[in-house]
Amino acid sequence: MILEIENFLTPQELQRLQQIGDESSFLNGRLSNPHNTAKNNEQIDQAAPGYKESSQIVGNAMARHEGFRDFAMPNRIAPPLLCKYEAGMAYGTHVDAALLPLIRLNMTLRSDISVTVFLSDHTSYDGGELVLHIESRKVPIKLPAGGLVAYPSTFLHEVAEVTRGQRLVAITFVESQIIDERHRHMIYSLGEISALEGLTMKPENRMRLDLVRHNLIRMWS
């Protein structure tokens, strides 16, 4: 199950994140994963003045967006991180680690959902698609600036080579209250039905639907 949200960020948030991306120092992305030879990108220096602000902007957007919360049902979210791809950079096929040590927070997060927030104007660079490997298919995703895509961390995926321009994104990982993605999908679907059909349903039937949904949350959380 994949979630795409255009205009996830406000114009003011997007502009500020782009500014931080222009002004901040970036380091070799391999520093956070030195054994992954497929990784060829840059990530914001966490000592840079704009790092905490950029992380907070993206985190606040996630906290307020009801559609994202309903999809991810977050328990914990890793601090979002700005990543940059210059021309010639890519991130080959890989899988996200199941357990992510967050040393600064003195905790370990289980990655259930991976998130990319696109920050560059999608017409300003060529290539750079996020490519999800779903069974035998490869699904490329390249959203306009300010858009978000969230997908199960169990998917193999890659970032296609940037052949022109610069790709700036924010990435993060979500530990969901519902571990099993099939269960999470069913709960999300029931919520969508309730939202779309609720006004046309008899109140007692909507109440029964909501009862089933919340009881499944209790059972699977």
C-alpha atoms as a PDB file:
ATOM      1  CA  MET A   1       0.000   0.000   0.000  1.00  0.00           C
ATOM      2  CA  ILE A   2       1.447   3.326  -1.129  1.00  0.00           C
ATOM      3  CA  LEU A   3       0.340   6.807  -0.092  1.00  0.00           C
ATOM      4  CA  GLU A   4       1.015   9.855  -2.271  1.00  0.00           C
ATOM      5  CA  ILE A   5       0.128  13.344  -1.033  1.00  0.00           C
ATOM      6  CA  GLU A   6       0.698  16.360  -3.247  1.00  0.00           C
ATOM      7  CA  ASN A   7       1.087  19.735  -1.512  1.00  0.00           C
ATOM      8  CA  PHE A   8       1.975  17.969   1.724  1.00  0.00           C
ATOM      9  CA  LEU A   9       4.035  21.000   2.720  1.00  0.00           C
ATOM     10  CA  THR A  10       2.832  24.585   2.746  1.00  0.00           C
ATOM     11  CA  PRO A  11       4.550  26.956   0.274  1.00  0.00           C
ATOM     12  CA  GLN A  12       6.281  28.666   3.198  1.00  0.00           C
ATOM     13  CA  GLU A  13       7.604  25.344   4.564  1.00  0.00           C
ATOM     14  CA  LEU A  14       8.802  24.275   1.133  1.00  0.00           C
ATOM     15  CA  GLN A  15      10.574  27.565   0.525  1.00  0.00           C
ATOM     16  CA  ARG A  16      12.326  27.417   3.902  1.00  0.00           C
ATOM     17  CA  LEU A  17      13.460  23.813   3.385  1.00  0.00           C
ATOM     18  CA  GLN A  18      14.829  24.676  -0.046  1.00  0.00           C
ATOM     19  CA  GLN A  19      16.679  27.605   1.528  1.00  0.00           C
ATOM     20  CA  ILE A  20      18.160  25.353   4.219  1.00  0.00           C
ATOM     21  CA  GLY A  21      19.197  22.912   1.499  1.00  0.00           C
ATOM     22  CA  ASP A  22      21.016  25.704  -0.355  1.00  0.00           C
ATOM     23  CA  GLU A  23      22.720  27.160   2.727  1.00  0.00           C
ATOM     24  CA  SER A  24      23.668  24.029   4.695  1.00  0.00           C
ATOM     25  CA  SER A  25      26.742  21.850   4.412  1.00  0.00           C
ATOM     26  CA  PHE A  26      26.206  18.265   3.258  1.00  0.00           C
ATOM     27  CA  LEU A  27      28.287  15.159   3.888  1.00  0.00           C
ATOM     28  CA  ASN A  28      28.850  11.929   1.981  1.00  0.00           C
ATOM     29  CA  GLY A  29      25.741   9.779   2.523  1.00  0.00           C
ATOM     30  CA  ARG A  30      27.912   6.691   2.996  1.00  0.00           C
ATOM     31  CA  LEU A  31      28.887   7.995   6.446  1.00  0.00           C
ATOM     32  CA  SER A  32      25.570   6.715   7.845  1.00  0.00           C
ATOM     33  CA  ASN A  33      25.795   3.417   5.960  1.00  0.00           C
ATOM     34  CA  PRO A  34      29.451   2.777   5.049  1.00  0.00           C
ATOM     35  CA  HIS A  35      28.927  -0.822   3.941  1.00  0.00           C
ATOM     36  CA  ASN A  36      26.281  -0.012   1.316  1.00  0.00           C
ATOM     37  CA  THR A  37      28.220   0.445  -1.908  1.00  0.00           C
ATOM     38  CA  ALA A  38      24.963   1.209  -3.779  1.00  0.00           C
ATOM     39  CA  LYS A  39      24.563   4.499  -1.905  1.00  0.00           C
ATOM     40  CA  ASN A  40      25.843   7.598  -3.698  1.00  0.00           C
ATOM     41  CA  ASN A  41      24.256  10.736  -2.297  1.00  0.00           C
ATOM     42  CA  GLU A  42      24.780  13.475   0.254  1.00  0.00           C
ATOM     43  CA  GLN A  43      22.976  14.158   3.526  1.00  0.00           C
ATOM     44  CA  ILE A  44      22.787  17.282   5.615  1.00  0.00           C
ATOM     45  CA  ASP A  45      25.487  17.732   8.211  1.00  0.00           C
ATOM     46  CA  GLN A  46      23.684  17.239  11.526  1.00  0.00           C
ATOM     47  CA  ALA A  47      25.972  19.887  12.993  1.00  0.00           C
ATOM     48  CA  ALA A  48      24.688  22.425  10.458  1.00  0.00           C
ATOM     49  CA  PRO A  49      22.532  25.239  11.921  1.00  0.00           C
ATOM     50  CA  GLY A  50      19.566  24.337   9.706  1.00  0.00           C
ATOM     51  CA  TYR A  51      19.452  20.616  10.494  1.00  0.00           C
ATOM     52  CA  LYS A  52      17.154  20.751  13.531  1.00  0.00           C
ATOM     53  CA  GLU A  53      14.875  23.301  11.898  1.00  0.00           C
ATOM     54  CA  SER A  54      14.509  21.236   8.715  1.00  0.00           C
ATOM     55  CA  SER A  55      13.750  18.114  10.744  1.00  0.00           C
ATOM     56  CA  GLN A  56      11.173  19.968  12.815  1.00  0.00           C
ATOM     57  CA  ILE A  57       9.415  21.451   9.770  1.00  0.00           C
ATOM     58  CA  VAL A  58       8.879  18.038   8.170  1.00  0.00           C
ATOM     59  CA  GLY A  59       7.964  16.425  11.499  1.00  0.00           C
ATOM     60  CA  ASN A  60       5.368  19.115  12.236  1.00  0.00           C
ATOM     61  CA  ALA A  61       3.804  18.601   8.799  1.00  0.00           C
ATOM     62  CA  MET A  62       3.450  14.887   9.512  1.00  0.00           C
ATOM     63  CA  ALA A  63       1.916  15.540  12.910  1.00  0.00           C
ATOM     64  CA  ARG A  64      -0.803  17.817  11.535  1.00  0.00           C
ATOM     65  CA  HIS A  65      -1.704  15.898   8.344  1.00  0.00           C
ATOM     66  CA  GLU A  66      -4.684  13.685   9.126  1.00  0.00           C
ATOM     67  CA  GLY A  67      -4.341  11.626   5.948  1.00  0.00           C
ATOM     68  CA  PHE A  68      -0.744  10.748   6.750  1.00  0.00           C
ATOM     69  CA  ARG A  69      -1.580   9.884  10.359  1.00  0.00           C
ATOM     70  CA  ASP A  70      -4.468   7.635   9.278  1.00  0.00           C
ATOM     71  CA  PHE A  71      -2.206   5.822   6.816  1.00  0.00           C
ATOM     72  CA  ALA A  72       0.889   5.420   8.980  1.00  0.00           C
ATOM     73  CA  MET A  73      -0.669   5.265  12.464  1.00  0.00           C
ATOM     74  CA  PRO A  74       2.719   6.403  13.802  1.00  0.00           C
ATOM     75  CA  ASN A  75       4.074   5.353  17.128  1.00  0.00           C
ATOM     76  CA  ARG A  76       7.469   6.952  16.575  1.00  0.00           C
ATOM     77  CA  ILE A  77       9.064   8.823  13.662  1.00  0.00           C
ATOM     78  CA  ALA A  78      12.791   9.119  13.032  1.00  0.00           C
ATOM     79  CA  PRO A  79      14.063  12.705  12.731  1.00  0.00           C
ATOM     80  CA  PRO A  80      13.642  13.615   9.039  1.00  0.00           C
ATOM     81  CA  LEU A  81      16.899  14.100   7.144  1.00  0.00           C
ATOM     82  CA  LEU A  82      17.620  16.215   4.065  1.00  0.00           C
ATOM     83  CA  CYS A  83      19.370  14.302   1.268  1.00  0.00           C
ATOM     84  CA  LYS A  84      20.811  15.692  -1.924  1.00  0.00           C
ATOM     85  CA  TYR A  85      21.614  14.065  -5.271  1.00  0.00           C
ATOM     86  CA  GLU A  86      23.796  15.931  -7.759  1.00  0.00           C
ATOM     87  CA  ALA A  87      24.085  14.911 -11.410  1.00  0.00           C
ATOM     88  CA  GLY A  88      25.626  11.437 -11.630  1.00  0.00           C
ATOM     89  CA  MET A  89      24.431  10.354  -8.176  1.00  0.00           C
ATOM     90  CA  ALA A  90      22.020   7.478  -7.515  1.00  0.00           C
ATOM     91  CA  TYR A  91      21.072   4.977  -4.835  1.00  0.00           C
ATOM     92  CA  GLY A  92      21.042   1.451  -6.185  1.00  0.00           C
ATOM     93  CA  THR A  93      18.548  -1.233  -5.273  1.00  0.00           C
ATOM     94  CA  HIS A  94      18.462  -1.712  -1.524  1.00  0.00           C
ATOM     95  CA  VAL A  95      16.289  -2.540   1.454  1.00  0.00           C
ATOM     96  CA  ASP A  96      15.902  -0.315   4.497  1.00  0.00           C
ATOM     97  CA  ALA A  97      17.227  -1.723   7.756  1.00  0.00           C
ATOM     98  CA  ALA A  98      14.546  -3.206  10.006  1.00  0.00           C
ATOM     99  CA  LEU A  99      15.971  -1.639  13.158  1.00  0.00           C
ATOM    100  CA  LEU A 100      17.430   1.866  13.107  1.00  0.00           C
ATOM    101  CA  PRO A 101      19.605   2.994  16.018  1.00  0.00           C
ATOM    102  CA  LEU A 102      18.836   6.647  16.806  1.00  0.00           C
ATOM    103  CA  ILE A 103      21.919   7.398  18.840  1.00  0.00           C
ATOM    104  CA  ARG A 104      21.042  11.015  19.587  1.00  0.00           C
ATOM    105  CA  LEU A 105      17.703   9.908  21.017  1.00  0.00           C
ATOM    106  CA  ASN A 106      19.144   6.847  22.782  1.00  0.00           C
ATOM    107  CA  MET A 107      16.582   4.535  21.173  1.00  0.00           C
ATOM    108  CA  THR A 108      16.063   2.037  18.367  1.00  0.00           C
ATOM    109  CA  LEU A 109      13.214   2.441  15.892  1.00  0.00           C
ATOM    110  CA  ARG A 110      11.601  -0.389  13.903  1.00  0.00           C
ATOM    111  CA  SER A 111      11.138   0.771  10.310  1.00  0.00           C
ATOM    112  CA  ASP A 112       7.623  -0.138   9.161  1.00  0.00           C
ATOM    113  CA  ILE A 113       7.062   2.715   6.693  1.00  0.00           C
ATOM    114  CA  SER A 114       9.597   4.656   4.620  1.00  0.00           C
ATOM    115  CA  VAL A 115       8.850   8.251   3.644  1.00  0.00           C
ATOM    116  CA  THR A 116      10.226  10.607   0.999  1.00  0.00           C
ATOM    117  CA  VAL A 117       9.233  14.274   0.782  1.00  0.00           C
ATOM    118  CA  PHE A 118      10.204  15.830  -2.551  1.00  0.00           C
ATOM    119  CA  LEU A 119      11.683  19.328  -2.222  1.00  0.00           C
ATOM    120  CA  SER A 120      13.096  20.152  -5.669  1.00  0.00           C
ATOM    121  CA  ASP A 121      10.954  21.357  -8.553  1.00  0.00           C
ATOM    122  CA  HIS A 122      10.445  18.127 -10.486  1.00  0.00           C
ATOM    123  CA  THR A 123      11.117  19.932 -13.786  1.00  0.00           C
ATOM    124  CA  SER A 124      14.506  21.204 -12.565  1.00  0.00           C
ATOM    125  CA  TYR A 125      16.187  17.798 -12.697  1.00  0.00           C
ATOM    126  CA  ASP A 126      16.123  14.712 -14.894  1.00  0.00           C
ATOM    127  CA  GLY A 127      16.147  11.192 -13.486  1.00  0.00           C
ATOM    128  CA  GLY A 128      16.070  10.854  -9.715  1.00  0.00           C
ATOM    129  CA  GLU A 129      12.864   8.841  -9.593  1.00  0.00           C
ATOM    130  CA  LEU A 130      12.162   6.787  -6.487  1.00  0.00           C
ATOM    131  CA  VAL A 131      11.650   3.318  -7.956  1.00  0.00           C
ATOM    132  CA  LEU A 132       9.679   0.809  -5.881  1.00  0.00           C
ATOM    133  CA  HIS A 133      10.088  -2.884  -6.675  1.00  0.00           C
ATOM    134  CA  ILE A 134       6.630  -4.396  -6.226  1.00  0.00           C
ATOM    135  CA  GLU A 135       6.764  -8.086  -7.061  1.00  0.00           C
ATOM    136  CA  SER A 136       7.808  -8.200 -10.741  1.00  0.00           C
ATOM    137  CA  ARG A 137       7.108  -4.513 -11.415  1.00  0.00           C
ATOM    138  CA  LYS A 138       9.247  -1.416 -10.991  1.00  0.00           C
ATOM    139  CA  VAL A 139       7.134   1.619 -10.123  1.00  0.00           C
ATOM    140  CA  PRO A 140       8.857   5.002 -10.623  1.00  0.00           C
ATOM    141  CA  ILE A 141       7.639   7.926  -8.502  1.00  0.00           C
ATOM    142  CA  LYS A 142       8.625  11.563  -8.968  1.00  0.00           C
ATOM    143  CA  LEU A 143       6.338  14.075  -7.307  1.00  0.00           C
ATOM    144  CA  PRO A 144       6.215  17.867  -7.590  1.00  0.00           C
ATOM    145  CA  ALA A 145       7.998  19.848  -4.890  1.00  0.00           C
ATOM    146  CA  GLY A 146       6.179  19.577  -1.574  1.00  0.00           C
ATOM    147  CA  GLY A 147       4.765  16.123  -2.299  1.00  0.00           C
ATOM    148  CA  LEU A 148       5.112  13.072  -0.055  1.00  0.00           C
ATOM    149  CA  VAL A 149       5.209   9.363  -0.759  1.00  0.00           C
ATOM    150  CA  ALA A 150       5.025   6.718   1.984  1.00  0.00           C
ATOM    151  CA  TYR A 151       5.416   2.984   1.397  1.00  0.00           C
ATOM    152  CA  PRO A 152       6.168  -0.199   3.340  1.00  0.00           C
ATOM    153  CA  SER A 153       9.802  -0.467   4.358  1.00  0.00           C
ATOM    154  CA  THR A 154       9.654  -4.102   3.259  1.00  0.00           C
ATOM    155  CA  PHE A 155       9.845  -3.037  -0.417  1.00  0.00           C
ATOM    156  CA  LEU A 156      13.083  -3.193  -2.346  1.00  0.00           C
ATOM    157  CA  HIS A 157      13.629   0.239  -3.866  1.00  0.00           C
ATOM    158  CA  GLU A 158      16.178   2.503  -5.513  1.00  0.00           C
ATOM    159  CA  VAL A 159      16.744   6.090  -6.600  1.00  0.00           C
ATOM    160  CA  ALA A 160      17.455   6.398 -10.319  1.00  0.00           C
ATOM    161  CA  GLU A 161      20.539   8.315 -11.385  1.00  0.00           C
ATOM    162  CA  VAL A 162      20.123  12.073 -11.621  1.00  0.00           C
ATOM    163  CA  THR A 163      21.302  13.062 -15.087  1.00  0.00           C
ATOM    164  CA  ARG A 164      20.647  16.819 -14.871  1.00  0.00           C
ATOM    165  CA  GLY A 165      20.163  19.264 -12.039  1.00  0.00           C
ATOM    166  CA  GLN A 166      19.849  18.512  -8.350  1.00  0.00           C
ATOM    167  CA  ARG A 167      17.386  16.375  -6.390  1.00  0.00           C
ATOM    168  CA  LEU A 168      16.673  17.504  -2.817  1.00  0.00           C
ATOM    169  CA  VAL A 169      14.424  15.378  -0.598  1.00  0.00           C
ATOM    170  CA  ALA A 170      13.686  14.739   3.044  1.00  0.00           C
ATOM    171  CA  ILE A 171      13.531  11.132   4.165  1.00  0.00           C
ATOM    172  CA  THR A 172      12.364   9.474   7.354  1.00  0.00           C
ATOM    173  CA  PHE A 173      11.080   6.197   8.756  1.00  0.00           C
ATOM    174  CA  VAL A 174       7.981   5.429  10.786  1.00  0.00           C
ATOM    175  CA  GLU A 175       7.428   2.838  13.469  1.00  0.00           C
ATOM    176  CA  SER A 176       3.698   2.197  13.209  1.00  0.00           C
ATOM    177  CA  GLN A 177       1.342   1.220  16.010  1.00  0.00           C
ATOM    178  CA  ILE A 178       0.262  -1.618  13.673  1.00  0.00           C
ATOM    179  CA  ILE A 179       3.264  -3.797  12.786  1.00  0.00           C
ATOM    180  CA  ASP A 180       1.713  -5.990  10.076  1.00  0.00           C
ATOM    181  CA  GLU A 181       1.238  -3.990   6.853  1.00  0.00           C
ATOM    182  CA  ARG A 182      -1.740  -6.181   5.842  1.00  0.00           C
ATOM    183  CA  HIS A 183      -3.522  -5.328   9.066  1.00  0.00           C
ATOM    184  CA  ARG A 184      -2.596  -1.667   8.645  1.00  0.00           C
ATOM    185  CA  HIS A 185      -4.026  -1.715   5.116  1.00  0.00           C
ATOM    186  CA  MET A 186      -7.324  -3.194   6.285  1.00  0.00           C
ATOM    187  CA  ILE A 187      -7.696  -0.639   9.074  1.00  0.00           C
ATOM    188  CA  TYR A 188      -6.888   2.208   6.689  1.00  0.00           C
ATOM    189  CA  SER A 189      -9.387   0.905   4.121  1.00  0.00           C
ATOM    190  CA  LEU A 190     -12.148   0.698   6.721  1.00  0.00           C
ATOM    191  CA  GLY A 191     -11.396   4.264   7.735  1.00  0.00           C
ATOM    192  CA  GLU A 192     -11.606   5.377   4.101  1.00  0.00           C
ATOM    193  CA  ILE A 193     -14.987   3.654   3.695  1.00  0.00           C
ATOM    194  CA  SER A 194     -16.252   5.328   6.843  1.00  0.00           C
ATOM    195  CA  ALA A 195     -15.077   8.734   5.622  1.00  0.00           C
ATOM    196  CA  LEU A 196     -16.404   8.365   2.065  1.00  0.00           C
ATOM    197  CA  GLU A 197     -19.713   6.625   2.772  1.00  0.00           C
ATOM    198  CA  GLY A 198     -20.426   7.673   6.331  1.00  0.00           C
ATOM    199  CA  LEU A 199     -22.921  10.412   5.484  1.00  0.00           C
ATOM    200  CA  THR A 200     -25.011   8.028   3.357  1.00  0.00           C
ATOM    201  CA  MET A 201     -25.031   5.204   5.904  1.00  0.00           C
ATOM    202  CA  LYS A 202     -27.541   4.748   8.643  1.00  0.00           C
ATOM    203  CA  PRO A 203     -25.990   6.036  11.881  1.00  0.00           C
ATOM    204  CA  GLU A 204     -26.251   2.636  13.532  1.00  0.00           C
ATOM    205  CA  ASN A 205     -24.430   0.967  10.630  1.00  0.00           C
ATOM    206  CA  ARG A 206     -21.653   3.551  10.669  1.00  0.00           C
ATOM    207  CA  MET A 207     -21.308   3.009  14.392  1.00  0.00           C
ATOM    208  CA  ARG A 208     -20.928  -0.726  13.837  1.00  0.00           C
ATOM    209  CA  LEU A 209     -18.289  -0.108  11.147  1.00  0.00           C
ATOM    210  CA  ASP A 210     -16.352   2.181  13.476  1.00  0.00           C
ATOM    211  CA  LEU A 211     -16.659  -0.386  16.263  1.00  0.00           C
ATOM    212  CA  VAL A 212     -15.091  -3.079  14.068  1.00  0.00           C
ATOM    213  CA  ARG A 213     -12.293  -0.722  12.998  1.00  0.00           C
ATOM    214  CA  HIS A 214     -11.383   0.340  16.512  1.00  0.00           C
ATOM    215  CA  ASN A 215     -11.577  -3.188  17.849  1.00  0.00           C
ATOM    216  CA  LEU A 216      -9.175  -4.312  15.121  1.00  0.00           C
ATOM    217  CA  ILE A 217      -6.824  -1.526  16.173  1.00  0.00           C
ATOM    218  CA  ARG A 218      -7.030  -2.778  19.749  1.00  0.00           C
ATOM    219  CA  MET A 219      -6.359  -6.338  18.617  1.00  0.00           C
ATOM    220  CA  TRP A 220      -3.414  -5.576  16.336  1.00  0.00           C
ATOM    221  CA  SER A 221      -1.673  -2.708  18.100  1.00  0.00           C
END
